[in-house]
N, C-alpha and C. Protein backbone atom coordinates (compact mmCIF):
# COMPACT_ATOMS: atom_id res chain seq x y z
N UNK A 1 9.84 26.71 19.23
CA UNK A 1 9.78 26.84 17.79
C UNK A 1 9.46 28.30 17.45
N UNK A 2 10.28 28.92 16.62
CA UNK A 2 9.98 30.29 16.22
C UNK A 2 9.08 30.31 14.99
N UNK A 3 8.71 31.50 14.56
CA UNK A 3 7.75 31.63 13.45
C UNK A 3 8.25 30.99 12.16
N UNK A 4 9.52 31.15 11.87
CA UNK A 4 10.07 30.59 10.63
C UNK A 4 9.99 29.07 10.64
N UNK A 5 10.31 28.47 11.78
CA UNK A 5 10.23 27.02 11.89
C UNK A 5 8.79 26.54 11.78
N UNK A 6 7.86 27.28 12.39
CA UNK A 6 6.45 26.92 12.30
C UNK A 6 5.96 27.01 10.86
N UNK A 7 6.35 28.06 10.16
CA UNK A 7 5.94 28.23 8.77
C UNK A 7 6.50 27.11 7.91
N UNK A 8 7.74 26.73 8.17
CA UNK A 8 8.36 25.64 7.42
C UNK A 8 7.66 24.32 7.72
N UNK A 9 7.31 24.10 8.98
CA UNK A 9 6.61 22.88 9.37
C UNK A 9 5.23 22.81 8.74
N UNK A 10 4.52 23.93 8.71
CA UNK A 10 3.19 23.97 8.09
C UNK A 10 3.31 23.68 6.59
N UNK A 11 4.32 24.25 5.97
CA UNK A 11 4.52 24.02 4.53
C UNK A 11 4.83 22.55 4.25
N UNK A 12 5.64 21.94 5.09
CA UNK A 12 5.95 20.51 4.95
C UNK A 12 4.70 19.66 5.11
N UNK A 13 3.89 19.98 6.12
CA UNK A 13 2.65 19.23 6.34
C UNK A 13 1.65 19.42 5.19
N UNK A 14 1.60 20.61 4.62
CA UNK A 14 0.73 20.83 3.47
C UNK A 14 1.15 19.93 2.31
N UNK A 15 2.46 19.79 2.12
CA UNK A 15 2.97 18.89 1.08
C UNK A 15 2.60 17.44 1.37
N UNK A 16 2.69 17.04 2.64
CA UNK A 16 2.32 15.68 3.03
C UNK A 16 0.85 15.43 2.74
N UNK A 17 -0.02 16.34 3.14
CA UNK A 17 -1.46 16.16 2.94
C UNK A 17 -1.81 16.17 1.45
N UNK A 18 -1.08 16.94 0.66
CA UNK A 18 -1.37 17.02 -0.78
C UNK A 18 -0.87 15.79 -1.53
N UNK A 19 0.31 15.27 -1.17
CA UNK A 19 0.94 14.20 -1.93
C UNK A 19 0.56 12.80 -1.46
N UNK A 20 0.13 12.66 -0.23
CA UNK A 20 -0.14 11.33 0.31
C UNK A 20 -1.47 10.79 -0.22
N UNK A 21 -1.49 9.48 -0.47
CA UNK A 21 -2.73 8.83 -0.87
C UNK A 21 -3.72 8.85 0.28
N UNK A 22 -3.22 8.61 1.47
CA UNK A 22 -4.03 8.66 2.69
C UNK A 22 -3.12 9.01 3.85
N UNK A 23 -3.64 9.77 4.79
CA UNK A 23 -2.92 10.12 6.01
C UNK A 23 -3.67 9.48 7.16
N UNK A 24 -2.98 8.60 7.90
CA UNK A 24 -3.60 7.90 9.03
C UNK A 24 -3.16 8.61 10.32
N UNK A 25 -4.14 9.01 11.13
CA UNK A 25 -3.88 9.73 12.37
C UNK A 25 -3.92 8.74 13.52
N UNK A 26 -2.88 8.77 14.36
CA UNK A 26 -2.76 7.82 15.47
C UNK A 26 -2.39 8.52 16.76
N UNK A 27 -2.67 7.86 17.88
CA UNK A 27 -2.18 8.27 19.19
C UNK A 27 -1.08 7.30 19.58
N UNK A 28 0.01 7.83 20.09
CA UNK A 28 1.18 7.01 20.40
C UNK A 28 1.61 7.10 21.86
N UNK A 29 0.79 7.64 22.73
CA UNK A 29 1.16 7.88 24.12
C UNK A 29 1.58 6.58 24.81
N UNK A 30 2.76 6.55 25.37
CA UNK A 30 3.24 5.39 26.10
C UNK A 30 4.18 4.50 25.31
N UNK A 31 4.37 4.77 24.03
CA UNK A 31 5.30 3.95 23.24
C UNK A 31 6.73 4.31 23.60
N UNK A 32 7.57 3.32 23.66
CA UNK A 32 8.99 3.57 23.91
C UNK A 32 9.67 3.98 22.61
N UNK A 33 10.88 4.46 22.74
CA UNK A 33 11.65 4.85 21.57
C UNK A 33 11.89 3.63 20.68
N UNK A 34 12.17 2.50 21.29
CA UNK A 34 12.40 1.27 20.51
C UNK A 34 11.16 0.87 19.72
N UNK A 35 9.99 1.01 20.35
CA UNK A 35 8.75 0.66 19.65
C UNK A 35 8.47 1.62 18.50
N UNK A 36 8.73 2.91 18.71
CA UNK A 36 8.55 3.89 17.63
C UNK A 36 9.53 3.62 16.50
N UNK A 37 10.75 3.26 16.83
CA UNK A 37 11.75 2.95 15.82
C UNK A 37 11.34 1.72 15.03
N UNK A 38 10.81 0.72 15.72
CA UNK A 38 10.32 -0.49 15.06
C UNK A 38 9.18 -0.16 14.10
N UNK A 39 8.25 0.66 14.54
CA UNK A 39 7.12 1.05 13.70
C UNK A 39 7.61 1.84 12.49
N UNK A 40 8.52 2.76 12.70
CA UNK A 40 9.05 3.55 11.58
C UNK A 40 9.76 2.65 10.57
N UNK A 41 10.48 1.65 11.06
CA UNK A 41 11.16 0.70 10.17
C UNK A 41 10.16 -0.10 9.34
N UNK A 42 9.09 -0.55 9.97
CA UNK A 42 8.05 -1.29 9.24
C UNK A 42 7.41 -0.42 8.17
N UNK A 43 7.13 0.82 8.52
CA UNK A 43 6.53 1.74 7.56
C UNK A 43 7.48 2.04 6.41
N UNK A 44 8.74 2.27 6.73
CA UNK A 44 9.74 2.59 5.71
C UNK A 44 9.89 1.43 4.72
N UNK A 45 9.78 0.20 5.21
CA UNK A 45 9.88 -0.97 4.34
C UNK A 45 8.75 -1.01 3.31
N UNK A 46 7.62 -0.40 3.64
CA UNK A 46 6.47 -0.36 2.73
C UNK A 46 6.40 0.96 1.95
N UNK A 47 7.40 1.82 2.10
CA UNK A 47 7.40 3.09 1.39
C UNK A 47 6.59 4.17 2.08
N UNK A 48 6.32 4.00 3.37
CA UNK A 48 5.52 4.96 4.13
C UNK A 48 6.39 5.62 5.19
N UNK A 49 5.83 6.64 5.82
CA UNK A 49 6.55 7.39 6.86
C UNK A 49 5.65 7.65 8.05
N UNK A 50 6.28 7.92 9.19
CA UNK A 50 5.56 8.30 10.40
C UNK A 50 6.15 9.61 10.89
N UNK A 51 5.28 10.55 11.23
CA UNK A 51 5.73 11.86 11.69
C UNK A 51 4.89 12.29 12.88
N UNK A 52 5.55 12.67 13.95
CA UNK A 52 4.86 13.23 15.11
C UNK A 52 4.61 14.70 14.79
N UNK A 53 3.36 15.13 14.95
CA UNK A 53 2.99 16.49 14.57
C UNK A 53 2.34 17.23 15.73
N UNK A 54 2.47 18.54 15.66
CA UNK A 54 1.74 19.39 16.61
C UNK A 54 0.34 19.59 16.04
N UNK A 55 -0.65 19.48 16.89
CA UNK A 55 -2.03 19.55 16.43
C UNK A 55 -2.38 20.89 15.77
N UNK A 56 -1.94 21.99 16.37
CA UNK A 56 -2.29 23.30 15.81
C UNK A 56 -1.65 23.48 14.43
N UNK A 57 -0.42 23.01 14.27
CA UNK A 57 0.24 23.14 12.97
C UNK A 57 -0.44 22.25 11.93
N UNK A 58 -0.86 21.06 12.33
CA UNK A 58 -1.55 20.17 11.40
C UNK A 58 -2.88 20.78 10.97
N UNK A 59 -3.60 21.38 11.90
CA UNK A 59 -4.88 22.02 11.56
C UNK A 59 -4.67 23.18 10.60
N UNK A 60 -3.61 23.95 10.83
CA UNK A 60 -3.33 25.08 9.93
C UNK A 60 -2.92 24.58 8.55
N UNK A 61 -2.21 23.46 8.50
CA UNK A 61 -1.79 22.89 7.21
C UNK A 61 -2.98 22.38 6.42
N UNK A 62 -4.05 21.99 7.14
CA UNK A 62 -5.27 21.48 6.49
C UNK A 62 -6.32 22.59 6.42
N UNK A 63 -5.92 23.78 6.03
CA UNK A 63 -6.80 24.94 6.12
C UNK A 63 -8.11 24.78 5.35
N UNK A 64 -8.17 23.98 4.31
CA UNK A 64 -9.41 23.83 3.56
C UNK A 64 -10.19 22.58 3.92
N UNK A 65 -9.75 21.88 4.94
CA UNK A 65 -10.39 20.61 5.30
C UNK A 65 -11.63 20.84 6.15
N UNK A 66 -12.41 19.78 6.27
CA UNK A 66 -13.65 19.85 7.04
C UNK A 66 -13.36 19.81 8.54
N UNK A 67 -14.39 20.07 9.33
CA UNK A 67 -14.25 20.02 10.79
C UNK A 67 -13.95 18.61 11.28
N UNK A 68 -14.45 17.62 10.56
CA UNK A 68 -14.18 16.22 10.93
C UNK A 68 -12.70 15.90 10.88
N UNK A 69 -12.01 16.45 9.89
CA UNK A 69 -10.57 16.23 9.79
C UNK A 69 -9.84 16.95 10.92
N UNK A 70 -10.28 18.15 11.26
CA UNK A 70 -9.66 18.91 12.35
C UNK A 70 -9.88 18.21 13.70
N UNK A 71 -11.00 17.52 13.85
CA UNK A 71 -11.31 16.86 15.12
C UNK A 71 -10.39 15.68 15.40
N UNK A 72 -9.75 15.14 14.38
CA UNK A 72 -8.83 14.01 14.58
C UNK A 72 -7.58 14.43 15.35
N UNK A 73 -7.22 15.68 15.26
CA UNK A 73 -5.96 16.15 15.83
C UNK A 73 -6.14 16.67 17.24
N UNK A 74 -6.26 15.74 18.18
CA UNK A 74 -6.35 16.04 19.61
C UNK A 74 -5.48 15.03 20.34
N UNK A 75 -4.71 15.49 21.30
CA UNK A 75 -3.85 14.60 22.05
C UNK A 75 -2.52 14.42 21.36
N UNK A 76 -1.71 13.46 21.82
CA UNK A 76 -0.40 13.20 21.21
C UNK A 76 -0.59 12.46 19.88
N UNK A 77 -0.41 13.17 18.78
CA UNK A 77 -0.75 12.65 17.47
C UNK A 77 0.50 12.41 16.62
N UNK A 78 0.49 11.28 15.93
CA UNK A 78 1.48 10.97 14.90
C UNK A 78 0.70 10.61 13.65
N UNK A 79 1.23 11.01 12.49
CA UNK A 79 0.57 10.67 11.24
C UNK A 79 1.45 9.70 10.45
N UNK A 80 0.80 8.73 9.85
CA UNK A 80 1.47 7.80 8.95
C UNK A 80 0.93 8.09 7.56
N UNK A 81 1.84 8.16 6.59
CA UNK A 81 1.41 8.52 5.24
C UNK A 81 2.33 7.87 4.21
N UNK A 82 1.77 7.71 3.01
CA UNK A 82 2.50 7.14 1.89
C UNK A 82 1.80 7.58 0.61
N UNK A 83 2.50 7.55 -0.51
CA UNK A 83 1.84 7.86 -1.78
C UNK A 83 0.72 6.87 -2.10
N UNK A 84 0.92 5.62 -1.71
CA UNK A 84 -0.08 4.58 -1.88
C UNK A 84 -1.05 4.66 -0.71
N UNK A 85 -2.36 4.76 -0.94
CA UNK A 85 -3.29 4.94 0.18
C UNK A 85 -3.39 3.73 1.11
N UNK A 86 -2.97 2.57 0.67
CA UNK A 86 -3.19 1.35 1.45
C UNK A 86 -2.01 0.98 2.35
N UNK A 87 -0.79 1.21 1.91
CA UNK A 87 0.37 0.68 2.63
C UNK A 87 0.51 1.21 4.05
N UNK A 88 0.35 2.52 4.24
CA UNK A 88 0.47 3.07 5.60
C UNK A 88 -0.65 2.54 6.48
N UNK A 89 -1.86 2.46 5.95
CA UNK A 89 -3.00 1.96 6.74
C UNK A 89 -2.78 0.51 7.15
N UNK A 90 -2.22 -0.31 6.26
CA UNK A 90 -1.97 -1.72 6.58
C UNK A 90 -0.98 -1.87 7.73
N UNK A 91 0.13 -1.19 7.61
CA UNK A 91 1.19 -1.33 8.63
C UNK A 91 0.70 -0.81 9.97
N UNK A 92 0.06 0.35 9.98
CA UNK A 92 -0.38 0.97 11.23
C UNK A 92 -1.47 0.12 11.89
N UNK A 93 -2.42 -0.37 11.11
CA UNK A 93 -3.48 -1.20 11.67
C UNK A 93 -2.92 -2.49 12.24
N UNK A 94 -1.99 -3.10 11.53
CA UNK A 94 -1.36 -4.32 12.00
C UNK A 94 -0.58 -4.07 13.29
N UNK A 95 0.14 -2.97 13.35
CA UNK A 95 0.92 -2.64 14.55
C UNK A 95 0.01 -2.34 15.74
N UNK A 96 -1.12 -1.68 15.48
CA UNK A 96 -2.06 -1.35 16.56
C UNK A 96 -2.68 -2.61 17.17
N UNK A 97 -2.84 -3.66 16.38
CA UNK A 97 -3.39 -4.92 16.90
C UNK A 97 -2.46 -5.53 17.94
N UNK A 98 -1.16 -5.38 17.75
CA UNK A 98 -0.19 -5.98 18.66
C UNK A 98 0.27 -5.08 19.79
N UNK A 99 -0.16 -3.82 19.81
CA UNK A 99 0.31 -2.89 20.82
C UNK A 99 -0.86 -2.03 21.31
N UNK A 100 -1.20 -2.18 22.58
CA UNK A 100 -2.35 -1.47 23.14
C UNK A 100 -2.11 0.04 23.29
N UNK A 101 -0.85 0.45 23.37
CA UNK A 101 -0.54 1.87 23.56
C UNK A 101 -0.66 2.66 22.27
N UNK A 102 -0.67 1.97 21.16
CA UNK A 102 -0.74 2.62 19.85
C UNK A 102 -2.17 2.47 19.32
N UNK A 103 -2.85 3.59 19.07
CA UNK A 103 -4.26 3.56 18.69
C UNK A 103 -4.47 4.33 17.39
N UNK A 104 -5.19 3.71 16.46
CA UNK A 104 -5.56 4.39 15.22
C UNK A 104 -6.82 5.20 15.48
N UNK A 105 -6.76 6.50 15.24
CA UNK A 105 -7.88 7.40 15.49
C UNK A 105 -8.75 7.54 14.25
N UNK A 106 -8.12 7.70 13.11
CA UNK A 106 -8.85 7.89 11.86
C UNK A 106 -7.88 8.24 10.76
N UNK A 107 -8.40 8.84 9.72
CA UNK A 107 -7.54 9.19 8.61
C UNK A 107 -8.19 10.18 7.67
N UNK A 108 -7.38 10.69 6.78
CA UNK A 108 -7.85 11.61 5.76
C UNK A 108 -7.36 11.09 4.42
N UNK A 109 -8.29 10.92 3.49
CA UNK A 109 -7.95 10.45 2.15
C UNK A 109 -8.56 11.43 1.16
N UNK A 110 -7.75 12.36 0.70
CA UNK A 110 -8.27 13.43 -0.16
C UNK A 110 -9.19 14.32 0.65
N UNK A 111 -10.44 14.42 0.23
CA UNK A 111 -11.44 15.21 0.94
C UNK A 111 -12.22 14.35 1.94
N UNK A 112 -12.01 13.06 1.91
CA UNK A 112 -12.77 12.13 2.75
C UNK A 112 -12.11 11.95 4.10
N UNK A 113 -12.90 12.04 5.15
CA UNK A 113 -12.42 11.79 6.51
C UNK A 113 -12.85 10.39 6.90
N UNK A 114 -11.90 9.58 7.35
CA UNK A 114 -12.17 8.19 7.73
C UNK A 114 -12.10 8.04 9.24
N UNK A 115 -12.97 7.21 9.79
CA UNK A 115 -12.85 6.87 11.20
C UNK A 115 -11.93 5.64 11.30
N UNK A 116 -11.78 5.11 12.50
CA UNK A 116 -10.88 3.96 12.71
C UNK A 116 -11.33 2.75 11.89
N UNK A 117 -12.65 2.54 11.79
CA UNK A 117 -13.15 1.41 10.99
C UNK A 117 -12.87 1.63 9.51
N UNK A 118 -12.96 2.86 9.05
CA UNK A 118 -12.65 3.18 7.66
C UNK A 118 -11.19 2.92 7.34
N UNK A 119 -10.30 3.24 8.27
CA UNK A 119 -8.88 2.96 8.08
C UNK A 119 -8.66 1.44 8.07
N UNK A 120 -9.38 0.72 8.94
CA UNK A 120 -9.29 -0.75 8.95
C UNK A 120 -9.76 -1.35 7.63
N UNK A 121 -10.83 -0.79 7.08
CA UNK A 121 -11.32 -1.28 5.78
C UNK A 121 -10.31 -0.96 4.68
N UNK A 122 -9.70 0.19 4.75
CA UNK A 122 -8.67 0.57 3.78
C UNK A 122 -7.48 -0.38 3.87
N UNK A 123 -7.16 -0.81 5.09
CA UNK A 123 -6.03 -1.71 5.30
C UNK A 123 -6.27 -3.11 4.71
N UNK A 124 -7.52 -3.50 4.52
CA UNK A 124 -7.80 -4.83 3.97
C UNK A 124 -7.68 -4.87 2.45
N UNK A 125 -7.63 -3.72 1.80
CA UNK A 125 -7.50 -3.68 0.35
C UNK A 125 -6.09 -4.10 -0.07
N UNK A 126 -5.95 -4.64 -1.28
CA UNK A 126 -4.60 -4.96 -1.75
C UNK A 126 -3.83 -3.67 -2.06
N UNK A 127 -2.52 -3.72 -1.88
CA UNK A 127 -1.70 -2.54 -2.15
C UNK A 127 -1.59 -2.31 -3.65
N UNK A 128 -1.05 -1.17 -4.01
CA UNK A 128 -0.91 -0.81 -5.42
C UNK A 128 -0.02 -1.81 -6.15
N UNK A 129 1.05 -2.25 -5.51
CA UNK A 129 1.94 -3.23 -6.14
C UNK A 129 1.23 -4.57 -6.35
N UNK A 130 0.40 -4.98 -5.39
CA UNK A 130 -0.34 -6.22 -5.53
C UNK A 130 -1.35 -6.12 -6.67
N UNK A 131 -2.02 -4.99 -6.80
CA UNK A 131 -2.98 -4.79 -7.89
C UNK A 131 -2.25 -4.82 -9.23
N UNK A 132 -1.10 -4.18 -9.29
CA UNK A 132 -0.32 -4.20 -10.54
C UNK A 132 0.08 -5.62 -10.91
N UNK A 133 0.52 -6.40 -9.93
CA UNK A 133 0.91 -7.78 -10.19
C UNK A 133 -0.28 -8.60 -10.69
N UNK A 134 -1.45 -8.39 -10.10
CA UNK A 134 -2.65 -9.11 -10.54
C UNK A 134 -3.01 -8.72 -11.97
N UNK A 135 -2.92 -7.44 -12.29
CA UNK A 135 -3.23 -7.00 -13.65
C UNK A 135 -2.25 -7.59 -14.67
N UNK A 136 -0.98 -7.59 -14.33
CA UNK A 136 0.01 -8.17 -15.23
C UNK A 136 -0.25 -9.66 -15.42
N UNK A 137 -0.62 -10.34 -14.34
CA UNK A 137 -0.95 -11.76 -14.44
C UNK A 137 -2.16 -11.99 -15.32
N UNK A 138 -3.18 -11.14 -15.19
CA UNK A 138 -4.37 -11.27 -16.03
C UNK A 138 -4.07 -10.99 -17.49
N UNK A 139 -3.23 -10.01 -17.74
CA UNK A 139 -2.87 -9.67 -19.12
C UNK A 139 -1.97 -10.75 -19.71
N UNK A 140 -1.07 -11.28 -18.90
CA UNK A 140 -0.09 -12.26 -19.37
C UNK A 140 -0.72 -13.63 -19.61
N UNK A 141 -1.74 -14.00 -18.85
CA UNK A 141 -2.34 -15.33 -18.96
C UNK A 141 -2.90 -15.61 -20.35
N UNK A 142 -3.70 -14.72 -20.95
CA UNK A 142 -4.19 -15.02 -22.30
C UNK A 142 -3.07 -15.16 -23.32
N UNK A 143 -2.03 -14.35 -23.20
CA UNK A 143 -0.91 -14.46 -24.14
C UNK A 143 -0.23 -15.81 -24.02
N UNK A 144 -0.09 -16.30 -22.81
CA UNK A 144 0.52 -17.61 -22.58
C UNK A 144 -0.37 -18.72 -23.16
N UNK A 145 -1.66 -18.58 -22.97
CA UNK A 145 -2.59 -19.58 -23.51
C UNK A 145 -2.57 -19.57 -25.04
N UNK A 146 -2.53 -18.37 -25.64
CA UNK A 146 -2.48 -18.28 -27.10
C UNK A 146 -1.21 -18.92 -27.63
N UNK A 147 -0.09 -18.67 -26.98
CA UNK A 147 1.17 -19.27 -27.42
C UNK A 147 1.09 -20.79 -27.31
N UNK A 148 0.48 -21.28 -26.25
CA UNK A 148 0.33 -22.74 -26.09
C UNK A 148 -0.56 -23.34 -27.16
N UNK A 149 -1.64 -22.65 -27.51
CA UNK A 149 -2.56 -23.15 -28.54
C UNK A 149 -1.89 -23.13 -29.91
N UNK A 150 -1.11 -22.09 -30.18
CA UNK A 150 -0.43 -22.00 -31.47
C UNK A 150 0.67 -23.04 -31.59
N UNK A 151 1.31 -23.38 -30.50
CA UNK A 151 2.38 -24.37 -30.54
C UNK A 151 1.84 -25.79 -30.57
N UNK A 152 0.64 -26.01 -30.11
CA UNK A 152 0.09 -27.36 -30.03
C UNK A 152 -0.04 -28.03 -31.39
N UNK A 153 -0.59 -27.39 -32.44
CA UNK A 153 -0.68 -28.08 -33.73
C UNK A 153 0.69 -28.46 -34.30
N UNK A 154 1.68 -27.57 -34.11
CA UNK A 154 3.02 -27.90 -34.61
C UNK A 154 3.58 -29.09 -33.86
N UNK A 155 3.34 -29.16 -32.58
CA UNK A 155 3.80 -30.31 -31.79
C UNK A 155 3.10 -31.58 -32.20
N UNK A 156 1.80 -31.48 -32.48
CA UNK A 156 1.05 -32.67 -32.91
C UNK A 156 1.54 -33.14 -34.28
N UNK A 157 1.81 -32.21 -35.19
CA UNK A 157 2.34 -32.59 -36.50
C UNK A 157 3.68 -33.28 -36.36
N UNK A 158 4.52 -32.75 -35.49
CA UNK A 158 5.84 -33.37 -35.28
C UNK A 158 5.68 -34.79 -34.74
N UNK A 159 4.73 -35.01 -33.84
CA UNK A 159 4.51 -36.35 -33.30
C UNK A 159 3.97 -37.31 -34.37
N UNK A 160 3.08 -36.80 -35.23
CA UNK A 160 2.54 -37.63 -36.32
C UNK A 160 3.66 -38.02 -37.28
N UNK A 161 4.49 -37.05 -37.67
CA UNK A 161 5.60 -37.36 -38.58
C UNK A 161 6.56 -38.34 -37.95
N UNK A 162 6.80 -38.17 -36.65
CA UNK A 162 7.69 -39.08 -35.93
C UNK A 162 7.08 -40.48 -35.89
N UNK A 163 5.77 -40.57 -35.70
CA UNK A 163 5.10 -41.88 -35.66
C UNK A 163 5.20 -42.56 -37.02
N UNK A 164 4.99 -41.81 -38.12
CA UNK A 164 5.12 -42.40 -39.46
C UNK A 164 6.55 -42.83 -39.73
N UNK A 165 7.51 -42.02 -39.29
CA UNK A 165 8.92 -42.36 -39.53
C UNK A 165 9.31 -43.62 -38.79
N UNK A 166 8.90 -43.74 -37.54
CA UNK A 166 9.24 -44.96 -36.79
C UNK A 166 8.47 -46.16 -37.32
N UNK A 167 7.25 -45.94 -37.85
CA UNK A 167 6.46 -47.03 -38.42
C UNK A 167 7.14 -47.54 -39.68
N UNK A 168 7.63 -46.59 -40.53
CA UNK A 168 8.32 -46.99 -41.75
C UNK A 168 9.62 -47.73 -41.41
N UNK A 169 10.34 -47.28 -40.38
CA UNK A 169 11.58 -47.93 -39.98
C UNK A 169 11.28 -49.35 -39.44
N UNK A 170 10.19 -49.47 -38.68
CA UNK A 170 9.84 -50.79 -38.14
C UNK A 170 9.46 -51.75 -39.26
N UNK A 171 8.76 -51.29 -40.29
CA UNK A 171 8.38 -52.15 -41.41
C UNK A 171 9.59 -52.50 -42.24
N UNK A 172 10.53 -51.56 -42.40
CA UNK A 172 11.74 -51.82 -43.17
C UNK A 172 12.63 -52.82 -42.43
N UNK A 173 12.66 -52.77 -41.15
CA UNK A 173 13.49 -53.68 -40.35
C UNK A 173 12.89 -55.08 -40.33
N UNK A 174 11.57 -55.20 -40.51
CA UNK A 174 10.93 -56.50 -40.43
C UNK A 174 11.03 -57.21 -41.70
């Protein structure tokens, strides 16, 4: 890699660290190409990405980060990231449970450095889409109840009028 490529790579990583909700740092030593492709596909389905990075370039890209964040970048490192802080952590944690060669080391969320347990806790949270769906459901439920309450008196009146009409018809027929 020449200087121009390194500078471009550092700039790309700076964009990743700035734009991502959370960056999960993993070790991938021993994974086959098929396993990496499978993991990338799972991440892509959730709107996340996986990138194998050079440790020195990642440290340079995180120039304002704490020493704890720099300590995560040792060994063969891949980062998983997404705009949503939860989606990448969920997929990576789930994949690590089924594959011994893939290990979650920690993560960086803004200025906060997470250990493996912190990433696991982040993975248990609902995703942004799930939270949005819950909020819409909460907002929509009262409106549905109000519509039902407003329609109920009209329905009751219609049933009363129908009962009087059939009663009058029954008396007229008798």
